[in-house]
Amino acid sequence: MRLIRHIGDIKVGDVIVYKGIVAKVTQNNEYEGFVDVIHYGADSLFAKRTVAEECTVLNLRKQAVYVMSFDCRTFEADIVVQRARSRLGEKRHNLSHNTSLQFVEWAKAGKHVLSTQQTTYGTLHLYNVYSWCDLQKGSIVEFTYYGLNHQGIPTDFDEEKKTITVIHYGAHSLFATNTVMEDILDMDLKTQSLKMYRCGDDMPFNEPDVVVRKAKERLGEQNWRAGNRSWDFCLQCLFVTDTENEDILDNHTEFH
């Protein structure tokens, strides 16, 4: 952390401890000014915490203000503010994985790994989705389905309508036959939980358009069983199988 000596040392996109992301700086003099910050705040001690943009009065003669330092690569200042503002109104504060600190780290540097999942293809990392900019078509998302964690392949999403289109092994009722289907999910990222799996850099995964194509080719399939549930279906779409690897090698040989 870096102690601020003068108001002019505070820049847009900085993280002020323990306030939030700096969105605007208005300097009265060398030691006094106003700073607009985006953070997880609350109107009272017992109110639900909400991401808000608020103006804070600073007097460096009376206050010790620190700017957080980051060892990792960070976004440009305008992108940091844009990312922070994309979460205004969010009410998903969680002491274990979504505090004010984790909010500013997300805006400044990127996603936090919630957990890892070992698969036959390699290790997947699970992240919370907080903003529409986090979503990627052809990935694996995890959402609540009939009260349980469930996975699907996102093929489209609409921020304005707050919907996500996914292909998954689902059912129209608890006792209906499980079928690979395309569903449109209502999703308000300000209040609802959504997670996404990401691959390690060394994993041979398919391009997003290939993942979506493979998922759509299986629409209507009713072969749900152990080893071919929605999670398995997603993995089979996302990753290059042994057969596909052989085809890639054959094609590579033909052109060399």
Foldseek 3Di string as FASTA:
>chain_A
DAWDDFLVVDDQQWQKVPFAGWHDWADPDGFWTKTWHWFFDAPDPPGQTFTATDIDITGNVPDTIDTDDDPDDWDPRVQLVVQSVQQGGARPDDPPQHHRVNSSCCSTHRWDFPDWDQDPQGIKTKTWDQGPVPDDAQFKKWFADPNDTFIFGWHDADPVQQKTKTWFQDAPDPPGQTFGAIDIDRHDSSYGIMMTIDDDPPGAWDDNVQLVVQSVVRGGDRPDDVCDHRVNNSVVSTHQDPVNVVVVVVVVVVVD
